[in-house]
Structures are given as C-alpha cells and as structure tokens.
Amino acid sequence: MLKDYRRVMKTAKRPSWEEFKQASKITGLAMLIIGFLGLMISMVFQWMGV
C-alpha cells in the first residue's frame, strides 16, 4: 500500500495556473447549475403544495 502511495506521489504533478483556473470555472458553473435545478424543483413542489 505504501508502495502505491509513493508511485502516485512521484507521477502526480501540480496543475499549472491555467489548468487550475479552468477547473475552478467548470466547478463553479456546475455548482450554479445544480443550485438552479434545486431551486426550480423546490419552487415546483411549493407551487404544487407538496
């Protein structure tokens, strides 16, 4: 198990600033979409009186 950990740590690299910005934008957009869908579902249930 420790051997696998070492192998992963040797091959892993730190993302560049551009990669980090792109991942942050995608993550933020996904959070907004999921939040919006949750809001819409909540509003539909309130409208239906459930």
PDB file of N, CA and C in Angstrom:
ATOM      1  N   MET A   1       0.824  -1.192   0.000  1.00  0.00           N
ATOM      2  CA  MET A   1       0.000   0.000   0.000  1.00  0.00           C
ATOM      3  C   MET A   1       0.873   1.263   0.000  1.00  0.00           C
ATOM      4  N   LEU A   2       1.903   1.265   0.802  1.00  0.00           N
ATOM      5  CA  LEU A   2       2.810   2.410   0.834  1.00  0.00           C
ATOM      6  C   LEU A   2       3.532   2.567  -0.498  1.00  0.00           C
ATOM      7  N   LYS A   3       3.820   1.440  -1.142  1.00  0.00           N
ATOM      8  CA  LYS A   3       4.481   1.464  -2.444  1.00  0.00           C
ATOM      9  C   LYS A   3       3.596   2.153  -3.485  1.00  0.00           C
ATOM     10  N   ASP A   4       2.286   1.859  -3.441  1.00  0.00           N
ATOM     11  CA  ASP A   4       1.350   2.504  -4.364  1.00  0.00           C
ATOM     12  C   ASP A   4       1.275   4.009  -4.107  1.00  0.00           C
ATOM     13  N   TYR A   5       1.292   4.382  -2.835  1.00  0.00           N
ATOM     14  CA  TYR A   5       1.252   5.794  -2.475  1.00  0.00           C
ATOM     15  C   TYR A   5       2.468   6.527  -3.031  1.00  0.00           C
ATOM     16  N   ARG A   6       3.625   5.934  -2.883  1.00  0.00           N
ATOM     17  CA  ARG A   6       4.859   6.550  -3.397  1.00  0.00           C
ATOM     18  C   ARG A   6       4.806   6.708  -4.910  1.00  0.00           C
ATOM     19  N   ARG A   7       4.294   5.681  -5.585  1.00  0.00           N
ATOM     20  CA  ARG A   7       4.211   5.725  -7.054  1.00  0.00           C
ATOM     21  C   ARG A   7       3.291   6.869  -7.497  1.00  0.00           C
ATOM     22  N   VAL A   8       2.168   7.004  -6.832  1.00  0.00           N
ATOM     23  CA  VAL A   8       1.241   8.081  -7.182  1.00  0.00           C
ATOM     24  C   VAL A   8       1.881   9.444  -6.929  1.00  0.00           C
ATOM     25  N   MET A   9       2.543   9.599  -5.802  1.00  0.00           N
ATOM     26  CA  MET A   9       3.158  10.881  -5.473  1.00  0.00           C
ATOM     27  C   MET A   9       4.292  11.236  -6.434  1.00  0.00           C
ATOM     28  N   LYS A  10       4.982  10.235  -6.967  1.00  0.00           N
ATOM     29  CA  LYS A  10       6.051  10.511  -7.928  1.00  0.00           C
ATOM     30  C   LYS A  10       5.492  10.938  -9.285  1.00  0.00           C
ATOM     31  N   THR A  11       4.364  10.356  -9.683  1.00  0.00           N
ATOM     32  CA  THR A  11       3.824  10.671 -11.007  1.00  0.00           C
ATOM     33  C   THR A  11       2.900  11.881 -10.990  1.00  0.00           C
ATOM     34  N   ALA A  12       2.373  12.234  -9.828  1.00  0.00           N
ATOM     35  CA  ALA A  12       1.463  13.377  -9.739  1.00  0.00           C
ATOM     36  C   ALA A  12       2.250  14.676  -9.928  1.00  0.00           C
ATOM     37  N   LYS A  13       1.577  15.645 -10.549  1.00  0.00           N
ATOM     38  CA  LYS A  13       2.217  16.951 -10.704  1.00  0.00           C
ATOM     39  C   LYS A  13       1.231  18.032 -10.314  1.00  0.00           C
ATOM     40  N   ARG A  14       1.766  19.139  -9.969  1.00  0.00           N
ATOM     41  CA  ARG A  14       0.948  20.272  -9.575  1.00  0.00           C
ATOM     42  C   ARG A  14       0.360  20.903 -10.837  1.00  0.00           C
ATOM     43  N   PRO A  15      -0.930  21.260 -10.815  1.00  0.00           N
ATOM     44  CA  PRO A  15      -1.510  21.864 -12.022  1.00  0.00           C
ATOM     45  C   PRO A  15      -0.957  23.269 -12.263  1.00  0.00           C
ATOM     46  N   SER A  16      -0.911  23.627 -13.521  1.00  0.00           N
ATOM     47  CA  SER A  16      -0.489  24.992 -13.844  1.00  0.00           C
ATOM     48  C   SER A  16      -1.613  25.950 -13.474  1.00  0.00           C
ATOM     49  N   TRP A  17      -1.297  27.229 -13.476  1.00  0.00           N
ATOM     50  CA  TRP A  17      -2.301  28.228 -13.116  1.00  0.00           C
ATOM     51  C   TRP A  17      -3.480  28.183 -14.099  1.00  0.00           C
ATOM     52  N   GLU A  18      -3.215  27.967 -15.374  1.00  0.00           N
ATOM     53  CA  GLU A  18      -4.274  27.891 -16.376  1.00  0.00           C
ATOM     54  C   GLU A  18      -5.180  26.680 -16.132  1.00  0.00           C
ATOM     55  N   GLU A  19      -4.583  25.541 -15.817  1.00  0.00           N
ATOM     56  CA  GLU A  19      -5.375  24.351 -15.518  1.00  0.00           C
ATOM     57  C   GLU A  19      -6.240  24.569 -14.284  1.00  0.00           C
ATOM     58  N   PHE A  20      -5.670  25.223 -13.284  1.00  0.00           N
ATOM     59  CA  PHE A  20      -6.417  25.500 -12.052  1.00  0.00           C
ATOM     60  C   PHE A  20      -7.584  26.442 -12.321  1.00  0.00           C
ATOM     61  N   LYS A  21      -7.360  27.492 -13.106  1.00  0.00           N
ATOM     62  CA  LYS A  21      -8.438  28.430 -13.418  1.00  0.00           C
ATOM     63  C   LYS A  21      -9.558  27.745 -14.192  1.00  0.00           C
ATOM     64  N   GLN A  22      -9.194  26.898 -15.158  1.00  0.00           N
ATOM     65  CA  GLN A  22     -10.196  26.201 -15.950  1.00  0.00           C
ATOM     66  C   GLN A  22     -11.011  25.241 -15.074  1.00  0.00           C
ATOM     67  N   ALA A  23     -10.354  24.490 -14.219  1.00  0.00           N
ATOM     68  CA  ALA A  23     -11.057  23.565 -13.323  1.00  0.00           C
ATOM     69  C   ALA A  23     -11.966  24.332 -12.371  1.00  0.00           C
ATOM     70  N   SER A  24     -11.520  25.486 -11.891  1.00  0.00           N
ATOM     71  CA  SER A  24     -12.335  26.297 -10.987  1.00  0.00           C
ATOM     72  C   SER A  24     -13.581  26.822 -11.691  1.00  0.00           C
ATOM     73  N   LYS A  25     -13.429  27.265 -12.926  1.00  0.00           N
ATOM     74  CA  LYS A  25     -14.577  27.765 -13.680  1.00  0.00           C
ATOM     75  C   LYS A  25     -15.595  26.660 -13.920  1.00  0.00           C
ATOM     76  N   ILE A  26     -15.121  25.482 -14.302  1.00  0.00           N
ATOM     77  CA  ILE A  26     -16.026  24.363 -14.565  1.00  0.00           C
ATOM     78  C   ILE A  26     -16.747  23.951 -13.288  1.00  0.00           C
ATOM     79  N   THR A  27     -16.008  23.888 -12.177  1.00  0.00           N
ATOM     80  CA  THR A  27     -16.610  23.511 -10.901  1.00  0.00           C
ATOM     81  C   THR A  27     -17.647  24.538 -10.468  1.00  0.00           C
ATOM     82  N   GLY A  28     -17.324  25.810 -10.601  1.00  0.00           N
ATOM     83  CA  GLY A  28     -18.273  26.868 -10.240  1.00  0.00           C
ATOM     84  C   GLY A  28     -19.523  26.826 -11.097  1.00  0.00           C
ATOM     85  N   LEU A  29     -19.356  26.616 -12.387  1.00  0.00           N
ATOM     86  CA  LEU A  29     -20.509  26.531 -13.286  1.00  0.00           C
ATOM     87  C   LEU A  29     -21.391  25.341 -12.928  1.00  0.00           C
ATOM     88  N   ALA A  30     -20.780  24.205 -12.627  1.00  0.00           N
ATOM     89  CA  ALA A  30     -21.549  23.024 -12.233  1.00  0.00           C
ATOM     90  C   ALA A  30     -22.316  23.283 -10.937  1.00  0.00           C
ATOM     91  N   MET A  31     -21.702  23.973  -9.992  1.00  0.00           N
ATOM     92  CA  MET A  31     -22.385  24.298  -8.739  1.00  0.00           C
ATOM     93  C   MET A  31     -23.579  25.209  -8.993  1.00  0.00           C
ATOM     94  N   LEU A  32     -23.431  26.184  -9.872  1.00  0.00           N
ATOM     95  CA  LEU A  32     -24.539  27.077 -10.198  1.00  0.00           C
ATOM     96  C   LEU A  32     -25.687  26.322 -10.867  1.00  0.00           C
ATOM     97  N   ILE A  33     -25.367  25.434 -11.786  1.00  0.00           N
ATOM     98  CA  ILE A  33     -26.397  24.668 -12.487  1.00  0.00           C
ATOM     99  C   ILE A  33     -27.159  23.778 -11.507  1.00  0.00           C
ATOM    100  N   ILE A  34     -26.427  23.069 -10.640  1.00  0.00           N
ATOM    101  CA  ILE A  34     -27.076  22.187  -9.674  1.00  0.00           C
ATOM    102  C   ILE A  34     -27.926  22.999  -8.696  1.00  0.00           C
ATOM    103  N   GLY A  35     -27.433  24.133  -8.259  1.00  0.00           N
ATOM    104  CA  GLY A  35     -28.208  25.001  -7.368  1.00  0.00           C
ATOM    105  C   GLY A  35     -29.472  25.515  -8.034  1.00  0.00           C
ATOM    106  N   PHE A  36     -29.359  25.899  -9.296  1.00  0.00           N
ATOM    107  CA  PHE A  36     -30.522  26.390 -10.037  1.00  0.00           C
ATOM    108  C   PHE A  36     -31.569  25.289 -10.199  1.00  0.00           C
ATOM    109  N   LEU A  37     -31.109  24.072 -10.528  1.00  0.00           N
ATOM    110  CA  LEU A  37     -32.046  22.956 -10.653  1.00  0.00           C
ATOM    111  C   LEU A  37     -32.733  22.668  -9.325  1.00  0.00           C
ATOM    112  N   GLY A  38     -31.997  22.707  -8.233  1.00  0.00           N
ATOM    113  CA  GLY A  38     -32.590  22.501  -6.908  1.00  0.00           C
ATOM    114  C   GLY A  38     -33.614  23.569  -6.591  1.00  0.00           C
ATOM    115  N   LEU A  39     -33.327  24.803  -6.939  1.00  0.00           N
ATOM    116  CA  LEU A  39     -34.273  25.894  -6.717  1.00  0.00           C
ATOM    117  C   LEU A  39     -35.545  25.690  -7.527  1.00  0.00           C
ATOM    118  N   MET A  40     -35.391  25.299  -8.787  1.00  0.00           N
ATOM    119  CA  MET A  40     -36.556  25.058  -9.638  1.00  0.00           C
ATOM    120  C   MET A  40     -37.419  23.908  -9.099  1.00  0.00           C
ATOM    121  N   ILE A  41     -36.780  22.839  -8.675  1.00  0.00           N
ATOM    122  CA  ILE A  41     -37.526  21.709  -8.118  1.00  0.00           C
ATOM    123  C   ILE A  41     -38.257  22.138  -6.854  1.00  0.00           C
ATOM    124  N   SER A  42     -37.586  22.888  -6.002  1.00  0.00           N
ATOM    125  CA  SER A  42     -38.209  23.380  -4.775  1.00  0.00           C
ATOM    126  C   SER A  42     -39.412  24.268  -5.086  1.00  0.00           C
ATOM    127  N   MET A  43     -39.272  25.153  -6.070  1.00  0.00           N
ATOM    128  CA  MET A  43     -40.379  26.046  -6.429  1.00  0.00           C
ATOM    129  C   MET A  43     -41.556  25.261  -7.001  1.00  0.00           C
ATOM    130  N   VAL A  44     -41.291  24.235  -7.802  1.00  0.00           N
ATOM    131  CA  VAL A  44     -42.365  23.407  -8.356  1.00  0.00           C
ATOM    132  C   VAL A  44     -43.109  22.710  -7.227  1.00  0.00           C
ATOM    133  N   PHE A  45     -42.387  22.148  -6.253  1.00  0.00           N
ATOM    134  CA  PHE A  45     -43.039  21.465  -5.138  1.00  0.00           C
ATOM    135  C   PHE A  45     -43.852  22.449  -4.293  1.00  0.00           C
ATOM    136  N   GLN A  46     -43.357  23.663  -4.091  1.00  0.00           N
ATOM    137  CA  GLN A  46     -44.115  24.662  -3.349  1.00  0.00           C
ATOM    138  C   GLN A  46     -45.364  25.062  -4.106  1.00  0.00           C
ATOM    139  N   TRP A  47     -45.264  25.187  -5.387  1.00  0.00           N
ATOM    140  CA  TRP A  47     -46.408  25.547  -6.220  1.00  0.00           C
ATOM    141  C   TRP A  47     -47.475  24.435  -6.197  1.00  0.00           C
ATOM    142  N   MET A  48     -47.018  23.182  -6.165  1.00  0.00           N
ATOM    143  CA  MET A  48     -47.941  22.050  -6.120  1.00  0.00           C
ATOM    144  C   MET A  48     -48.507  21.846  -4.720  1.00  0.00           C
ATOM    145  N   GLY A  49     -47.919  22.454  -3.722  1.00  0.00           N
ATOM    146  CA  GLY A  49     -48.397  22.311  -2.352  1.00  0.00           C
ATOM    147  C   GLY A  49     -47.974  21.008  -1.697  1.00  0.00           C
ATOM    148  N   VAL A  50     -46.859  20.460  -2.158  1.00  0.00           N
ATOM    149  CA  VAL A  50     -46.393  19.189  -1.595  1.00  0.00           C
ATOM    150  C   VAL A  50     -45.470  19.443  -0.436  1.00  0.00           C
TER     151      VAL A  50
END
